C-alpha atoms as a PDB file:
ATOM      1  CA  UNK A   1       0.000   0.000   0.000  1.00  0.00           C
ATOM      2  CA  UNK A   2       1.518   3.340  -1.042  1.00  0.00           C
ATOM      3  CA  UNK A   3       1.351   6.643   0.801  1.00  0.00           C
ATOM      4  CA  UNK A   4      -1.542   8.027  -1.232  1.00  0.00           C
ATOM      5  CA  UNK A   5      -3.654   4.972  -0.412  1.00  0.00           C
ATOM      6  CA  UNK A   6      -2.858   5.391   3.287  1.00  0.00           C
ATOM      7  CA  UNK A   7      -3.829   9.053   3.101  1.00  0.00           C
ATOM      8  CA  UNK A   8      -7.131   8.134   1.461  1.00  0.00           C
ATOM      9  CA  UNK A   9      -7.823   5.680   4.293  1.00  0.00           C
ATOM     10  CA  UNK A  10      -6.975   8.383   6.829  1.00  0.00           C
ATOM     11  CA  UNK A  11      -9.488  10.767   5.213  1.00  0.00           C
ATOM     12  CA  UNK A  12     -12.192   8.075   5.303  1.00  0.00           C
ATOM     13  CA  UNK A  13     -11.553   7.354   8.986  1.00  0.00           C
ATOM     14  CA  UNK A  14     -11.727  11.086   9.708  1.00  0.00           C
ATOM     15  CA  UNK A  15     -15.032  11.278   7.835  1.00  0.00           C
ATOM     16  CA  UNK A  16     -16.678   8.170   9.322  1.00  0.00           C
ATOM     17  CA  UNK A  17     -14.949   8.380  12.717  1.00  0.00           C
ATOM     18  CA  UNK A  18     -14.723   4.621  12.774  1.00  0.00           C
ATOM     19  CA  UNK A  19     -11.999   2.151  11.815  1.00  0.00           C
ATOM     20  CA  UNK A  20     -14.580  -0.634  11.577  1.00  0.00           C
ATOM     21  CA  UNK A  21     -16.847   1.238   9.152  1.00  0.00           C
ATOM     22  CA  UNK A  22     -13.934   2.102   6.874  1.00  0.00           C
ATOM     23  CA  UNK A  23     -12.780  -1.519   6.887  1.00  0.00           C
ATOM     24  CA  UNK A  24     -16.289  -2.615   5.915  1.00  0.00           C
ATOM     25  CA  UNK A  25     -16.586   0.117   3.265  1.00  0.00           C
ATOM     26  CA  UNK A  26     -13.297  -0.878   1.624  1.00  0.00           C
ATOM     27  CA  UNK A  27     -13.779  -4.607   2.199  1.00  0.00           C
ATOM     28  CA  UNK A  28     -10.462  -4.793   4.014  1.00  0.00           C
ATOM     29  CA  UNK A  29      -9.449  -6.293   7.355  1.00  0.00           C
ATOM     30  CA  UNK A  30      -9.657  -3.828  10.235  1.00  0.00           C
ATOM     31  CA  UNK A  31      -5.994  -4.537  10.955  1.00  0.00           C
ATOM     32  CA  UNK A  32      -5.123  -3.103   7.512  1.00  0.00           C
ATOM     33  CA  UNK A  33      -6.889   0.154   8.348  1.00  0.00           C
ATOM     34  CA  UNK A  34      -5.179   0.324  11.747  1.00  0.00           C
ATOM     35  CA  UNK A  35      -1.774  -0.336  10.201  1.00  0.00           C
ATOM     36  CA  UNK A  36      -2.296   2.402   7.567  1.00  0.00           C
ATOM     37  CA  UNK A  37      -3.012   5.024  10.235  1.00  0.00           C
ATOM     38  CA  UNK A  38      -0.164   3.842  12.462  1.00  0.00           C
ATOM     39  CA  UNK A  39       2.228   4.004   9.497  1.00  0.00           C
ATOM     40  CA  UNK A  40       1.290   7.626   8.836  1.00  0.00           C
ATOM     41  CA  UNK A  41       1.631   8.549  12.516  1.00  0.00           C
ATOM     42  CA  UNK A  42       5.052   6.909  12.659  1.00  0.00           C
ATOM     43  CA  UNK A  43       6.271   8.512   9.424  1.00  0.00           C
ATOM     44  CA  UNK A  44       5.189  12.033  10.382  1.00  0.00           C
ATOM     45  CA  UNK A  45       5.683  11.636  14.137  1.00  0.00           C
ATOM     46  CA  UNK A  46       2.205  12.909  14.959  1.00  0.00           C
ATOM     47  CA  UNK A  47      -0.901  11.550  16.714  1.00  0.00           C
ATOM     48  CA  UNK A  48      -3.798  11.832  14.274  1.00  0.00           C
ATOM     49  CA  UNK A  49      -6.725  10.411  16.272  1.00  0.00           C
ATOM     50  CA  UNK A  50      -7.939  10.283  19.842  1.00  0.00           C
ATOM     51  CA  UNK A  51      -9.231   6.737  20.140  1.00  0.00           C
ATOM     52  CA  UNK A  52     -11.783   5.488  22.654  1.00  0.00           C
ATOM     53  CA  UNK A  53     -13.863   2.325  22.721  1.00  0.00           C
ATOM     54  CA  UNK A  54     -16.869   4.282  21.427  1.00  0.00           C
ATOM     55  CA  UNK A  55     -15.541   6.807  18.944  1.00  0.00           C
ATOM     56  CA  UNK A  56     -12.570   8.116  17.008  1.00  0.00           C
ATOM     57  CA  UNK A  57     -11.891  11.863  16.825  1.00  0.00           C
ATOM     58  CA  UNK A  58      -9.193  13.881  15.120  1.00  0.00           C
ATOM     59  CA  UNK A  59      -6.549  15.524  17.276  1.00  0.00           C
ATOM     60  CA  UNK A  60      -5.698  19.178  16.697  1.00  0.00           C
ATOM     61  CA  UNK A  61      -2.725  18.063  14.614  1.00  0.00           C
ATOM     62  CA  UNK A  62      -5.025  15.608  12.843  1.00  0.00           C
ATOM     63  CA  UNK A  63      -7.365  18.431  11.744  1.00  0.00           C
ATOM     64  CA  UNK A  64      -4.493  20.279  10.037  1.00  0.00           C
ATOM     65  CA  UNK A  65      -3.098  17.032   8.683  1.00  0.00           C
ATOM     66  CA  UNK A  66      -6.489  16.292   7.099  1.00  0.00           C
ATOM     67  CA  UNK A  67      -6.469  19.552   5.142  1.00  0.00           C
ATOM     68  CA  UNK A  68      -2.962  18.923   3.844  1.00  0.00           C
ATOM     69  CA  UNK A  69      -3.754  15.296   3.055  1.00  0.00           C
ATOM     70  CA  UNK A  70      -6.788  16.266   0.949  1.00  0.00           C
ATOM     71  CA  UNK A  71      -4.665  18.715  -1.061  1.00  0.00           C
ATOM     72  CA  UNK A  72      -1.962  16.121  -1.615  1.00  0.00           C
ATOM     73  CA  UNK A  73      -4.527  13.531  -2.771  1.00  0.00           C
ATOM     74  CA  UNK A  74      -6.038  16.075  -5.162  1.00  0.00           C
ATOM     75  CA  UNK A  75      -2.642  16.948  -6.606  1.00  0.00           C
ATOM     76  CA  UNK A  76      -1.712  13.284  -6.937  1.00  0.00           C
ATOM     77  CA  UNK A  77      -4.953  12.700  -8.821  1.00  0.00           C
ATOM     78  CA  UNK A  78      -3.993  15.355 -11.361  1.00  0.00           C
ATOM     79  CA  UNK A  79      -0.906  13.272 -12.183  1.00  0.00           C
ATOM     80  CA  UNK A  80      -3.169  10.530 -13.542  1.00  0.00           C
ATOM     81  CA  UNK A  81      -3.284  12.460 -16.806  1.00  0.00           C
ATOM     82  CA  UNK A  82       0.213  11.081 -17.451  1.00  0.00           C
ATOM     83  CA  UNK A  83      -0.963   7.475 -17.323  1.00  0.00           C
ATOM     84  CA  UNK A  84      -0.896   5.906 -20.770  1.00  0.00           C
ATOM     85  CA  UNK A  85      -4.521   4.807 -20.640  1.00  0.00           C
ATOM     86  CA  UNK A  86      -5.594   8.423 -20.169  1.00  0.00           C
ATOM     87  CA  UNK A  87      -3.510   9.736 -23.066  1.00  0.00           C
ATOM     88  CA  UNK A  88      -4.761   7.856 -26.095  1.00  0.00           C
ATOM     89  CA  UNK A  89      -5.426  10.985 -28.147  1.00  0.00           C
ATOM     90  CA  UNK A  90      -4.113  13.890 -26.065  1.00  0.00           C
ATOM     91  CA  UNK A  91      -0.452  14.831 -25.832  1.00  0.00           C
ATOM     92  CA  UNK A  92       2.551  16.500 -27.437  1.00  0.00           C
ATOM     93  CA  UNK A  93       5.222  15.048 -29.729  1.00  0.00           C
ATOM     94  CA  UNK A  94       8.607  16.561 -30.549  1.00  0.00           C
ATOM     95  CA  UNK A  95      10.015  15.279 -33.828  1.00  0.00           C
ATOM     96  CA  UNK A  96      13.235  16.135 -35.635  1.00  0.00           C
ATOM     97  CA  UNK A  97      13.584  15.676 -39.394  1.00  0.00           C
ATOM     98  CA  UNK A  98      15.431  17.144 -42.387  1.00  0.00           C
ATOM     99  CA  UNK A  99      14.234  20.555 -43.524  1.00  0.00           C
ATOM    100  CA  UNK A 100      13.028  19.405 -46.964  1.00  0.00           C
ATOM    101  CA  UNK A 101      11.058  16.482 -45.548  1.00  0.00           C
ATOM    102  CA  UNK A 102       9.417  18.848 -43.082  1.00  0.00           C
ATOM    103  CA  UNK A 103       8.480  21.518 -45.621  1.00  0.00           C
ATOM    104  CA  UNK A 104       7.637  19.308 -48.603  1.00  0.00           C
ATOM    105  CA  UNK A 105       5.917  16.357 -46.939  1.00  0.00           C
ATOM    106  CA  UNK A 106       5.072  16.591 -43.244  1.00  0.00           C
ATOM    107  CA  UNK A 107       3.731  20.142 -42.977  1.00  0.00           C
ATOM    108  CA  UNK A 108       1.621  20.096 -46.195  1.00  0.00           C
ATOM    109  CA  UNK A 109      -0.183  16.943 -45.001  1.00  0.00           C
ATOM    110  CA  UNK A 110      -0.318  17.567 -41.257  1.00  0.00           C
ATOM    111  CA  UNK A 111      -3.882  18.886 -41.416  1.00  0.00           C
ATOM    112  CA  UNK A 112      -4.964  15.341 -42.343  1.00  0.00           C
ATOM    113  CA  UNK A 113      -3.580  14.071 -39.052  1.00  0.00           C
ATOM    114  CA  UNK A 114      -5.285  16.872 -37.109  1.00  0.00           C
ATOM    115  CA  UNK A 115      -8.621  16.017 -38.698  1.00  0.00           C
ATOM    116  CA  UNK A 116      -8.473  12.694 -36.868  1.00  0.00           C
ATOM    117  CA  UNK A 117      -6.452  13.686 -33.797  1.00  0.00           C
ATOM    118  CA  UNK A 118      -7.150  17.365 -33.038  1.00  0.00           C
ATOM    119  CA  UNK A 119      -5.703  17.237 -29.507  1.00  0.00           C
ATOM    120  CA  UNK A 120      -2.209  15.987 -30.334  1.00  0.00           C
ATOM    121  CA  UNK A 121       0.339  18.802 -30.596  1.00  0.00           C
ATOM    122  CA  UNK A 122       3.260  18.303 -32.984  1.00  0.00           C
ATOM    123  CA  UNK A 123       6.455  20.262 -32.359  1.00  0.00           C
ATOM    124  CA  UNK A 124       8.587  20.140 -35.522  1.00  0.00           C
ATOM    125  CA  UNK A 125      12.342  20.606 -35.310  1.00  0.00           C
ATOM    126  CA  UNK A 126      13.736  20.667 -38.851  1.00  0.00           C
ATOM    127  CA  UNK A 127      17.481  20.572 -39.353  1.00  0.00           C
ATOM    128  CA  UNK A 128      19.911  19.583 -42.064  1.00  0.00           C
ATOM    129  CA  UNK A 129      22.450  18.437 -39.476  1.00  0.00           C
ATOM    130  CA  UNK A 130      21.790  15.429 -37.277  1.00  0.00           C
ATOM    131  CA  UNK A 131      19.470  16.211 -34.399  1.00  0.00           C
ATOM    132  CA  UNK A 132      20.387  14.906 -30.953  1.00  0.00           C
ATOM    133  CA  UNK A 133      17.427  13.058 -29.440  1.00  0.00           C
ATOM    134  CA  UNK A 134      18.480  13.135 -25.823  1.00  0.00           C
ATOM    135  CA  UNK A 135      20.118  16.589 -25.844  1.00  0.00           C
ATOM    136  CA  UNK A 136      17.125  18.233 -27.537  1.00  0.00           C
ATOM    137  CA  UNK A 137      14.554  16.050 -25.745  1.00  0.00           C
ATOM    138  CA  UNK A 138      13.044  14.795 -29.000  1.00  0.00           C
ATOM    139  CA  UNK A 139      10.640  11.858 -29.064  1.00  0.00           C
ATOM    140  CA  UNK A 140      11.889  10.651 -32.442  1.00  0.00           C
ATOM    141  CA  UNK A 141      13.887  11.694 -35.488  1.00  0.00           C
ATOM    142  CA  UNK A 142      13.521  10.954 -39.195  1.00  0.00           C
ATOM    143  CA  UNK A 143      16.890  10.669 -40.890  1.00  0.00           C
ATOM    144  CA  UNK A 144      17.983  10.398 -44.508  1.00  0.00           C
ATOM    145  CA  UNK A 145      21.363   8.814 -45.214  1.00  0.00           C
ATOM    146  CA  UNK A 146      23.614   6.122 -43.894  1.00  0.00           C
ATOM    147  CA  UNK A 147      22.856   4.909 -40.390  1.00  0.00           C
ATOM    148  CA  UNK A 148      25.140   6.132 -37.641  1.00  0.00           C
ATOM    149  CA  UNK A 149      26.364   3.657 -35.050  1.00  0.00           C
ATOM    150  CA  UNK A 150      24.327   4.881 -32.092  1.00  0.00           C
ATOM    151  CA  UNK A 151      22.501   3.140 -29.276  1.00  0.00           C
ATOM    152  CA  UNK A 152      19.065   3.938 -30.623  1.00  0.00           C
ATOM    153  CA  UNK A 153      16.114   1.971 -31.902  1.00  0.00           C
ATOM    154  CA  UNK A 154      16.019   2.155 -35.714  1.00  0.00           C
ATOM    155  CA  UNK A 155      12.818   1.634 -37.706  1.00  0.00           C
ATOM    156  CA  UNK A 156      13.211   1.654 -41.537  1.00  0.00           C
ATOM    157  CA  UNK A 157      10.672   3.595 -43.593  1.00  0.00           C
ATOM    158  CA  UNK A 158      11.869   3.446 -47.199  1.00  0.00           C
ATOM    159  CA  UNK A 159      14.864   4.226 -49.340  1.00  0.00           C
ATOM    160  CA  UNK A 160      15.424   6.628 -52.226  1.00  0.00           C
ATOM    161  CA  UNK A 161      17.673   6.802 -55.253  1.00  0.00           C
ATOM    162  CA  UNK A 162      20.250   9.603 -55.283  1.00  0.00           C
ATOM    163  CA  UNK A 163      19.676  11.495 -58.551  1.00  0.00           C
ATOM    164  CA  UNK A 164      22.336  13.537 -60.341  1.00  0.00           C
ATOM    165  CA  UNK A 165      20.938  16.803 -61.680  1.00  0.00           C
ATOM    166  CA  UNK A 166      21.870  20.004 -63.433  1.00  0.00           C
ATOM    167  CA  UNK A 167      19.903  23.056 -64.517  1.00  0.00           C
ATOM    168  CA  UNK A 168      19.242  23.704 -68.232  1.00  0.00           C
ATOM    169  CA  UNK A 169      21.214  26.947 -67.793  1.00  0.00           C
ATOM    170  CA  UNK A 170      24.255  24.980 -66.621  1.00  0.00           C
ATOM    171  CA  UNK A 171      24.026  22.394 -69.401  1.00  0.00           C
ATOM    172  CA  UNK A 172      23.612  25.030 -72.125  1.00  0.00           C
ATOM    173  CA  UNK A 173      27.030  26.468 -71.304  1.00  0.00           C
ATOM    174  CA  UNK A 174      28.717  23.383 -72.746  1.00  0.00           C
ATOM    175  CA  UNK A 175      28.829  22.460 -76.427  1.00  0.00           C
ATOM    176  CA  UNK A 176      29.504  18.772 -75.923  1.00  0.00           C
ATOM    177  CA  UNK A 177      27.065  16.475 -74.134  1.00  0.00           C
ATOM    178  CA  UNK A 178      27.990  15.342 -70.643  1.00  0.00           C
ATOM    179  CA  UNK A 179      30.329  12.379 -70.659  1.00  0.00           C
ATOM    180  CA  UNK A 180      31.274  10.438 -67.540  1.00  0.00           C
ATOM    181  CA  UNK A 181      34.852  10.159 -68.782  1.00  0.00           C
ATOM    182  CA  UNK A 182      35.306  13.860 -69.600  1.00  0.00           C
ATOM    183  CA  UNK A 183      34.333  15.940 -66.592  1.00  0.00           C
ATOM    184  CA  UNK A 184      37.396  18.194 -66.365  1.00  0.00           C
ATOM    185  CA  UNK A 185      35.447  21.321 -67.290  1.00  0.00           C
ATOM    186  CA  UNK A 186      32.499  20.624 -65.041  1.00  0.00           C
ATOM    187  CA  UNK A 187      31.660  21.820 -61.556  1.00  0.00           C
ATOM    188  CA  UNK A 188      29.709  20.442 -58.669  1.00  0.00           C
ATOM    189  CA  UNK A 189      28.086  22.370 -55.835  1.00  0.00           C
ATOM    190  CA  UNK A 190      29.906  21.291 -52.667  1.00  0.00           C
ATOM    191  CA  UNK A 191      28.037  20.445 -49.486  1.00  0.00           C
ATOM    192  CA  UNK A 192      29.736  21.326 -46.213  1.00  0.00           C
ATOM    193  CA  UNK A 193      28.475  19.462 -43.163  1.00  0.00           C
ATOM    194  CA  UNK A 194      27.588  22.023 -40.527  1.00  0.00           C
ATOM    195  CA  UNK A 195      30.163  22.393 -37.727  1.00  0.00           C
ATOM    196  CA  UNK A 196      32.295  19.669 -39.318  1.00  0.00           C
ATOM    197  CA  UNK A 197      35.452  19.989 -41.364  1.00  0.00           C
ATOM    198  CA  UNK A 198      34.116  17.685 -44.074  1.00  0.00           C
ATOM    199  CA  UNK A 199      33.209  18.777 -47.586  1.00  0.00           C
ATOM    200  CA  UNK A 200      31.404  16.689 -50.205  1.00  0.00           C
ATOM    201  CA  UNK A 201      32.181  17.512 -53.825  1.00  0.00           C
ATOM    202  CA  UNK A 202      31.949  13.977 -55.202  1.00  0.00           C
ATOM    203  CA  UNK A 203      29.502  12.455 -57.630  1.00  0.00           C
ATOM    204  CA  UNK A 204      28.368   9.349 -55.800  1.00  0.00           C
ATOM    205  CA  UNK A 205      26.979   6.352 -57.650  1.00  0.00           C
ATOM    206  CA  UNK A 206      26.392   2.774 -56.601  1.00  0.00           C
ATOM    207  CA  UNK A 207      29.697   1.580 -58.025  1.00  0.00           C
ATOM    208  CA  UNK A 208      31.890   4.673 -58.257  1.00  0.00           C
ATOM    209  CA  UNK A 209      32.772   8.017 -56.703  1.00  0.00           C
ATOM    210  CA  UNK A 210      34.061  10.838 -58.903  1.00  0.00           C
ATOM    211  CA  UNK A 211      35.714  13.894 -57.365  1.00  0.00           C
ATOM    212  CA  UNK A 212      34.905  17.191 -59.081  1.00  0.00           C
ATOM    213  CA  UNK A 213      35.981  20.795 -58.814  1.00  0.00           C
ATOM    214  CA  UNK A 214      33.702  23.273 -57.136  1.00  0.00           C
ATOM    215  CA  UNK A 215      33.476  27.037 -56.724  1.00  0.00           C
ATOM    216  CA  UNK A 216      30.444  27.241 -54.441  1.00  0.00           C
ATOM    217  CA  UNK A 217      30.143  25.442 -51.111  1.00  0.00           C
ATOM    218  CA  UNK A 218      27.023  25.493 -48.889  1.00  0.00           C
ATOM    219  CA  UNK A 219      25.973  23.912 -45.594  1.00  0.00           C
ATOM    220  CA  UNK A 220      22.204  23.489 -45.884  1.00  0.00           C
ATOM    221  CA  UNK A 221      19.964  21.643 -48.318  1.00  0.00           C
ATOM    222  CA  UNK A 222      17.917  24.692 -49.359  1.00  0.00           C
ATOM    223  CA  UNK A 223      21.056  26.599 -50.419  1.00  0.00           C
ATOM    224  CA  UNK A 224      22.387  23.467 -52.117  1.00  0.00           C
ATOM    225  CA  UNK A 225      19.202  23.104 -54.153  1.00  0.00           C
ATOM    226  CA  UNK A 226      19.088  26.796 -55.047  1.00  0.00           C
ATOM    227  CA  UNK A 227      22.729  26.738 -56.149  1.00  0.00           C
ATOM    228  CA  UNK A 228      21.904  23.856 -58.475  1.00  0.00           C
ATOM    229  CA  UNK A 229      18.840  25.653 -59.854  1.00  0.00           C
ATOM    230  CA  UNK A 230      20.979  28.733 -60.557  1.00  0.00           C
ATOM    231  CA  UNK A 231      23.478  26.683 -62.563  1.00  0.00           C
ATOM    232  CA  UNK A 232      26.415  26.905 -60.169  1.00  0.00           C
ATOM    233  CA  UNK A 233      27.204  23.232 -60.647  1.00  0.00           C
ATOM    234  CA  UNK A 234      25.777  19.734 -60.652  1.00  0.00           C
ATOM    235  CA  UNK A 235      23.994  18.491 -57.542  1.00  0.00           C
ATOM    236  CA  UNK A 236      22.832  15.146 -56.164  1.00  0.00           C
ATOM    237  CA  UNK A 237      19.607  14.960 -54.171  1.00  0.00           C
ATOM    238  CA  UNK A 238      17.170  12.161 -53.276  1.00  0.00           C
ATOM    239  CA  UNK A 239      14.630  11.246 -55.948  1.00  0.00           C
ATOM    240  CA  UNK A 240      11.729  12.245 -53.689  1.00  0.00           C
ATOM    241  CA  UNK A 241      13.048  15.822 -53.641  1.00  0.00           C
ATOM    242  CA  UNK A 242      14.049  15.917 -57.302  1.00  0.00           C
ATOM    243  CA  UNK A 243      10.814  14.737 -58.924  1.00  0.00           C
ATOM    244  CA  UNK A 244       8.882  18.025 -58.961  1.00  0.00           C
ATOM    245  CA  UNK A 245      11.872  19.948 -60.368  1.00  0.00           C
ATOM    246  CA  UNK A 246      12.333  17.395 -63.152  1.00  0.00           C
ATOM    247  CA  UNK A 247       8.635  17.516 -64.037  1.00  0.00           C
ATOM    248  CA  UNK A 248       8.734  21.345 -64.127  1.00  0.00           C
ATOM    249  CA  UNK A 249      11.929  21.161 -66.256  1.00  0.00           C
ATOM    250  CA  UNK A 250      13.848  23.287 -63.791  1.00  0.00           C
ATOM    251  CA  UNK A 251      16.410  20.496 -63.394  1.00  0.00           C
ATOM    252  CA  UNK A 252      17.530  17.772 -65.780  1.00  0.00           C
ATOM    253  CA  UNK A 253      18.488  14.330 -64.626  1.00  0.00           C
ATOM    254  CA  UNK A 254      21.901  13.325 -65.977  1.00  0.00           C
ATOM    255  CA  UNK A 255      23.988  10.128 -65.977  1.00  0.00           C
ATOM    256  CA  UNK A 256      20.818   8.027 -65.889  1.00  0.00           C
ATOM    257  CA  UNK A 257      22.792   5.069 -67.229  1.00  0.00           C
ATOM    258  CA  UNK A 258      24.789   4.853 -64.007  1.00  0.00           C
ATOM    259  CA  UNK A 259      23.212   2.734 -61.207  1.00  0.00           C
ATOM    260  CA  UNK A 260      22.193   5.139 -58.449  1.00  0.00           C
ATOM    261  CA  UNK A 261      23.335   5.068 -54.874  1.00  0.00           C
ATOM    262  CA  UNK A 262      20.326   4.350 -52.667  1.00  0.00           C
ATOM    263  CA  UNK A 263      19.954   6.102 -49.344  1.00  0.00           C
ATOM    264  CA  UNK A 264      17.814   4.856 -46.449  1.00  0.00           C
ATOM    265  CA  UNK A 265      15.082   6.865 -44.720  1.00  0.00           C
ATOM    266  CA  UNK A 266      14.305   5.761 -41.185  1.00  0.00           C
ATOM    267  CA  UNK A 267      13.024   6.649 -37.728  1.00  0.00           C
ATOM    268  CA  UNK A 268      15.266   6.563 -34.712  1.00  0.00           C
ATOM    269  CA  UNK A 269      13.948   6.446 -31.146  1.00  0.00           C
ATOM    270  CA  UNK A 270      15.444   6.453 -27.714  1.00  0.00           C
ATOM    271  CA  UNK A 271      14.841   3.148 -25.971  1.00  0.00           C
ATOM    272  CA  UNK A 272      11.802   3.806 -23.820  1.00  0.00           C
ATOM    273  CA  UNK A 273       9.657   1.288 -22.020  1.00  0.00           C
ATOM    274  CA  UNK A 274       6.495   3.388 -22.089  1.00  0.00           C
ATOM    275  CA  UNK A 275       5.256   5.067 -25.235  1.00  0.00           C
ATOM    276  CA  UNK A 276       1.875   6.811 -25.190  1.00  0.00           C
ATOM    277  CA  UNK A 277      -0.757   5.517 -27.573  1.00  0.00           C
ATOM    278  CA  UNK A 278      -1.018   8.927 -29.245  1.00  0.00           C
ATOM    279  CA  UNK A 279       2.698   8.751 -30.112  1.00  0.00           C
ATOM    280  CA  UNK A 280       2.179   5.444 -31.915  1.00  0.00           C
ATOM    281  CA  UNK A 281      -0.801   6.952 -33.781  1.00  0.00           C
ATOM    282  CA  UNK A 282       1.458   9.694 -35.135  1.00  0.00           C
ATOM    283  CA  UNK A 283       4.381   7.437 -36.034  1.00  0.00           C
ATOM    284  CA  UNK A 284       2.122   5.008 -37.914  1.00  0.00           C
ATOM    285  CA  UNK A 285       0.467   7.896 -39.756  1.00  0.00           C
ATOM    286  CA  UNK A 286       3.796   9.522 -40.709  1.00  0.00           C
ATOM    287  CA  UNK A 287       5.288   6.221 -41.849  1.00  0.00           C
ATOM    288  CA  UNK A 288       2.261   5.571 -44.067  1.00  0.00           C
ATOM    289  CA  UNK A 289       2.458   9.116 -45.478  1.00  0.00           C
ATOM    290  CA  UNK A 290       6.154   8.913 -46.317  1.00  0.00           C
ATOM    291  CA  UNK A 291       5.870   5.461 -47.882  1.00  0.00           C
ATOM    292  CA  UNK A 292       2.987   6.652 -50.055  1.00  0.00           C
ATOM    293  CA  UNK A 293       4.601   9.909 -51.110  1.00  0.00           C
ATOM    294  CA  UNK A 294       8.063   8.465 -51.666  1.00  0.00           C
ATOM    295  CA  UNK A 295       6.634   5.761 -53.911  1.00  0.00           C
ATOM    296  CA  UNK A 296       5.658   8.507 -56.384  1.00  0.00           C
ATOM    297  CA  UNK A 297       9.272   9.118 -57.394  1.00  0.00           C
ATOM    298  CA  UNK A 298       9.967   9.129 -61.114  1.00  0.00           C
END
């Protein structure tokens, strides 16, 4: 029996002024009621009741103790909102994911989730660098790229081909068609990992990596994409992000004959024993959304 249960018994005894009646009301042995009161008196070093053979009355300390006990029971009851069974469709989720996935997929479709679950708040943290689950107190993260060796739970969602692209403006500056063996005159937009002394200026395919010159280096995906659109060099982005630009003829897919590198898309979670039902609702919905939308790649 925990302290809150003992306090509830104390309040009942104070109300009924009888150990026997409380025992009968709760269908418990009278000795259990007596022990609960004695345990409180011992813990707080106070006499709560004046006991006679005929009646039980609160002491002066017991009267004040009763007021405090009722407040504590009320406050403890408010904590029940954190129990999983009481949080099936009410709560808040903090999710980290790449900026383009947030702006192109999650946010445009989030109203669909709210139509079904209007009381679940979603806090979106969109970064191009890797978010730190524990440091930023995130419930989960969606990542694109090779898995990092971390002590997290990984749940695959899908994978995507890495397309090589260039703008029509860039391609029109060259008389000869692009040739994999003759890339000396060509440029690539370099991608600098934020806060890391690592720069990517390679064309990456399934079976080969080709290092290229670059003049422009960026450290976020939006700048990388815009640099490609402005003809500052070739870029490589996932097929799910490239499709709309290819359809609108703002970018041209090149080197289609080369087998593409495929990059995984996956959830990562901290290992937690208790996950609210509403959290699982959201994860299942987001996984279904991403699988559906990513399957529309050209």
